[in-house]
Amino acid sequence: ARPTGLAAERTTGRILQVQRQRPNQEVAALAVDPAGDGGLTGLALSPSYAEDELIYAYITTPVDNRVVRIAPGDIPKPVLAGIPRGATGNAGALAVDSHGMLLVATGDAGNPALAADPHSLAGKVLRIDTFGHPAPGNPAGSIVLISGLHSPGGLCVDPVSKELWITDRVPDHGLLYRVQPGRQLGRASWTWPGASGAAGCVVMLGQIGRA
């Protein structure tokens, strides 16, 4: 069998199945608002994708940023809505941790004060179950793992150590953080110059790569 993958188009909201030497096949088309670096910016497969074929996406709508669940032949259903949106700072990222919980990185909606506000979902890493509830084992039973993000690009989980890493962007450079649940972000593990920042990351054999 040929290897296949899924790709997301930020501005159109399309999710495509891609396979080498074959035409791309549209899996879903989500209604998104791509203004202010938003649109379709995060994608993750269900922990039991082989059985349920569920896909989770982080999208920007005209009123908020949200996580939606996509089932074959059905309309997208909201899992976590009401994440603040702004003129900028709408990008987000998704991943699944070793316990099958959803990790959600949210932008600060163009307002750094929201990233520091414990009552706001903006500028955070959230950990939820597949119904949008706080995941078991979260600090203080909250959905918030850490605060202080600006424009996250990607989440990646080390398959061996289970550590969580995240890329972020500020106006003149990109950053890579190791996430320690319940603590402040602290100092970045790596930084690099450039306004474009990083779009994602991956951990393999104890080494971290970013895109």
Protein backbone atom coordinates (compact mmCIF):
# COMPACT_ATOMS: atom_id res chain seq x y z
CA ALA A 1 0.00 0.00 0.00
CA ARG A 2 1.19 3.49 -0.77
CA PRO A 3 1.70 5.83 2.20
CA THR A 4 -0.98 8.51 2.55
CA GLY A 5 -1.25 11.68 4.57
CA LEU A 6 -3.54 14.60 5.27
CA ALA A 7 -2.79 18.22 4.41
CA ALA A 8 -4.67 21.35 5.45
CA GLU A 9 -5.06 24.55 3.42
CA ARG A 10 -5.13 27.53 5.79
CA THR A 11 -7.03 30.02 3.67
CA THR A 12 -9.55 27.69 1.98
CA GLY A 13 -10.31 25.36 4.89
CA ARG A 14 -9.83 22.29 2.70
CA ILE A 15 -8.44 19.04 4.12
CA LEU A 16 -6.82 16.88 1.47
CA GLN A 17 -5.71 13.28 1.41
CA VAL A 18 -2.35 13.21 -0.34
CA GLN A 19 -0.69 10.17 -1.86
CA ARG A 20 2.41 9.92 -3.99
CA GLN A 21 1.75 9.84 -7.75
CA ARG A 22 -2.01 10.17 -7.28
CA PRO A 23 -4.31 13.21 -7.41
CA ASN A 24 -5.12 14.85 -4.10
CA GLN A 25 -8.56 13.91 -2.76
CA GLU A 26 -10.67 16.37 -0.76
CA VAL A 27 -11.72 14.89 2.59
CA ALA A 28 -13.55 17.93 3.97
CA ALA A 29 -14.03 21.65 3.34
CA LEU A 30 -14.46 23.82 6.45
CA ALA A 31 -15.91 27.32 6.51
CA VAL A 32 -13.05 29.46 7.85
CA ASP A 33 -12.06 33.12 8.12
CA PRO A 34 -8.36 33.38 7.14
CA ALA A 35 -7.94 37.02 8.20
CA GLY A 36 -5.29 37.89 10.77
CA ASP A 37 -3.21 34.70 10.23
CA GLY A 38 -6.26 32.56 10.99
CA GLY A 39 -8.15 29.99 8.96
CA LEU A 40 -7.40 26.26 9.25
CA THR A 41 -4.15 26.14 11.20
CA GLY A 42 -4.20 22.89 13.17
CA LEU A 43 -4.97 19.26 12.33
CA ALA A 44 -4.87 16.05 14.37
CA LEU A 45 -6.18 12.53 13.95
CA SER A 46 -8.36 10.85 16.54
CA PRO A 47 -6.40 8.55 18.89
CA SER A 48 -8.58 5.75 17.46
CA TYR A 49 -8.58 6.98 13.86
CA ALA A 50 -8.27 3.46 12.41
CA GLU A 51 -11.71 2.68 13.87
CA ASP A 52 -13.61 5.99 13.87
CA GLU A 53 -11.86 8.03 11.12
CA LEU A 54 -12.39 11.22 13.14
CA ILE A 55 -10.29 14.31 12.38
CA TYR A 56 -9.87 17.31 14.67
CA ALA A 57 -9.13 20.79 13.30
CA TYR A 58 -8.31 24.20 14.76
CA ILE A 59 -10.14 26.89 12.80
CA THR A 60 -10.96 30.59 12.82
CA THR A 61 -14.58 31.62 12.31
CA PRO A 62 -15.98 35.18 12.04
CA VAL A 63 -16.63 35.18 15.80
CA ASP A 64 -14.01 32.96 17.46
CA ASN A 65 -11.30 30.35 17.17
CA ARG A 66 -12.38 26.78 17.89
CA VAL A 67 -11.63 23.07 17.75
CA VAL A 68 -14.01 21.04 15.60
CA ARG A 69 -14.49 17.31 15.05
CA ILE A 70 -15.00 15.98 11.53
CA ALA A 71 -16.65 12.59 10.97
CA PRO A 72 -16.96 10.96 7.53
CA GLY A 73 -20.11 12.17 5.77
CA ASP A 74 -21.13 14.54 8.59
CA ILE A 75 -20.91 18.28 9.20
CA PRO A 76 -18.12 19.52 11.52
CA LYS A 77 -19.12 19.60 15.18
CA PRO A 78 -17.60 22.04 17.72
CA VAL A 79 -15.52 20.46 20.49
CA LEU A 80 -14.20 23.65 22.11
CA ALA A 81 -15.55 27.04 20.97
CA GLY A 82 -15.17 30.60 22.24
CA ILE A 83 -11.38 30.86 21.98
CA PRO A 84 -10.75 34.61 21.46
CA ARG A 85 -10.01 35.88 17.97
CA GLY A 86 -8.54 39.22 17.00
CA ALA A 87 -7.11 41.21 14.10
CA THR A 88 -3.95 39.06 14.51
CA GLY A 89 -2.82 36.19 16.72
CA ASN A 90 -5.38 33.62 15.56
CA ALA A 91 -3.04 30.78 14.60
CA GLY A 92 -3.28 27.60 16.63
CA ALA A 93 -1.98 24.03 16.67
CA LEU A 94 -3.20 20.58 17.68
CA ALA A 95 -1.60 17.34 18.82
CA VAL A 96 -2.57 14.16 20.66
CA ASP A 97 -0.61 13.15 23.75
CA SER A 98 0.39 9.69 24.91
CA HIS A 99 -2.88 9.34 26.88
CA GLY A 100 -5.06 10.11 23.85
CA MET A 101 -5.91 13.62 25.02
CA LEU A 102 -6.05 16.63 22.69
CA LEU A 103 -3.42 19.34 23.12
CA VAL A 104 -4.50 22.74 21.81
CA ALA A 105 -2.14 25.70 21.37
CA THR A 106 -3.93 29.04 21.00
CA GLY A 107 -2.73 32.46 19.88
CA ASP A 108 -3.10 35.61 21.97
CA ALA A 109 -5.62 37.25 19.56
CA GLY A 110 -3.23 40.17 19.15
CA ASN A 111 -3.45 41.05 22.85
CA PRO A 112 -0.51 39.84 25.00
CA ALA A 113 -2.51 40.61 28.15
CA LEU A 114 -4.90 37.77 27.28
CA ALA A 115 -2.00 35.31 27.22
CA ALA A 116 -1.29 36.15 30.86
CA ASP A 117 -4.97 36.19 31.91
CA PRO A 118 -5.83 32.88 33.65
CA HIS A 119 -9.51 33.37 32.75
CA SER A 120 -8.87 33.62 28.99
CA LEU A 121 -8.32 30.73 26.58
CA ALA A 122 -6.03 32.90 24.42
CA GLY A 123 -2.25 32.40 24.42
CA LYS A 124 -2.40 29.00 26.12
CA VAL A 125 -1.69 25.31 25.75
CA LEU A 126 -4.94 23.53 26.62
CA ARG A 127 -5.40 19.82 27.35
CA ILE A 128 -8.87 18.43 26.79
CA ASP A 129 -10.59 15.13 26.16
CA THR A 130 -12.29 14.53 22.83
CA PHE A 131 -15.50 16.12 24.16
CA GLY A 132 -13.81 19.40 25.15
CA HIS A 133 -13.69 18.73 28.91
CA PRO A 134 -10.58 19.12 31.09
CA ALA A 135 -8.44 16.03 30.62
CA PRO A 136 -7.76 13.74 33.59
CA GLY A 137 -4.53 14.63 35.36
CA ASN A 138 -4.53 18.32 34.42
CA PRO A 139 -3.12 20.72 37.03
CA ALA A 140 -5.92 21.89 39.36
CA GLY A 141 -8.50 20.28 37.07
CA SER A 142 -8.22 23.18 34.59
CA ILE A 143 -8.01 22.81 30.81
CA VAL A 144 -4.98 25.15 30.85
CA LEU A 145 -1.51 23.58 30.95
CA ILE A 146 0.57 26.73 30.44
CA SER A 147 0.10 30.41 29.57
CA GLY A 148 2.11 33.03 27.72
CA LEU A 149 2.02 32.09 24.01
CA HIS A 150 1.78 34.63 21.21
CA SER A 151 1.45 32.92 17.82
CA PRO A 152 2.07 29.17 18.17
CA GLY A 153 3.19 27.20 15.13
CA GLY A 154 3.32 23.59 16.27
CA LEU A 155 3.12 21.10 19.10
CA CYS A 156 5.21 17.93 19.21
CA VAL A 157 5.36 15.09 21.72
CA ASP A 158 8.53 13.06 22.29
CA PRO A 159 7.41 9.43 21.78
CA VAL A 160 10.01 8.17 24.28
CA SER A 161 10.12 10.73 27.11
CA LYS A 162 6.52 11.98 26.49
CA GLU A 163 7.80 15.55 26.85
CA LEU A 164 5.83 18.26 25.08
CA TRP A 165 7.50 20.93 22.95
CA ILE A 166 5.96 23.96 21.26
CA THR A 167 7.09 26.56 18.74
CA ASP A 168 6.00 30.17 19.06
CA ARG A 169 6.51 33.39 17.11
CA VAL A 170 7.08 36.97 18.16
CA PRO A 171 7.61 39.87 15.72
CA ASP A 172 11.35 39.39 15.14
CA HIS A 173 12.16 35.79 16.04
CA GLY A 174 10.89 32.26 16.65
CA LEU A 175 11.10 30.26 19.85
CA LEU A 176 11.01 26.64 20.97
CA TYR A 177 9.79 25.80 24.48
CA ARG A 178 9.63 22.65 26.55
CA VAL A 179 6.23 22.64 28.23
CA GLN A 180 6.06 21.82 31.93
CA PRO A 181 2.36 21.61 32.88
CA GLY A 182 1.22 24.06 35.51
CA ARG A 183 4.36 26.20 35.24
CA GLN A 184 5.21 29.38 33.39
CA LEU A 185 6.83 29.00 29.97
CA GLY A 186 10.10 30.35 31.27
CA ARG A 187 13.09 30.79 29.01
CA ALA A 188 12.99 29.36 25.49
CA SER A 189 15.19 26.32 24.84
CA TRP A 190 16.09 27.68 21.39
CA THR A 191 15.49 30.90 19.47
CA TRP A 192 16.23 31.91 15.89
CA PRO A 193 15.94 35.23 14.06
CA GLY A 194 13.41 36.03 11.37
CA ALA A 195 9.86 37.33 11.29
CA SER A 196 8.46 34.22 9.61
CA GLY A 197 8.94 32.03 12.70
CA ALA A 198 8.31 28.29 12.68
CA ALA A 199 5.31 26.43 11.30
CA GLY A 200 5.75 23.21 13.26
CA CYS A 201 8.05 20.73 14.93
CA VAL A 202 8.72 17.00 15.17
CA VAL A 203 10.64 14.85 17.67
CA MET A 204 12.47 11.74 16.45
CA LEU A 205 15.20 9.72 18.16
CA GLY A 206 15.65 12.39 20.81
CA GLN A 207 16.17 15.17 18.26
CA ILE A 208 13.80 18.05 17.52
CA GLY A 209 13.27 19.49 14.06
CA ARG A 210 11.23 22.53 13.13
CA ALA A 211 9.66 23.67 9.88
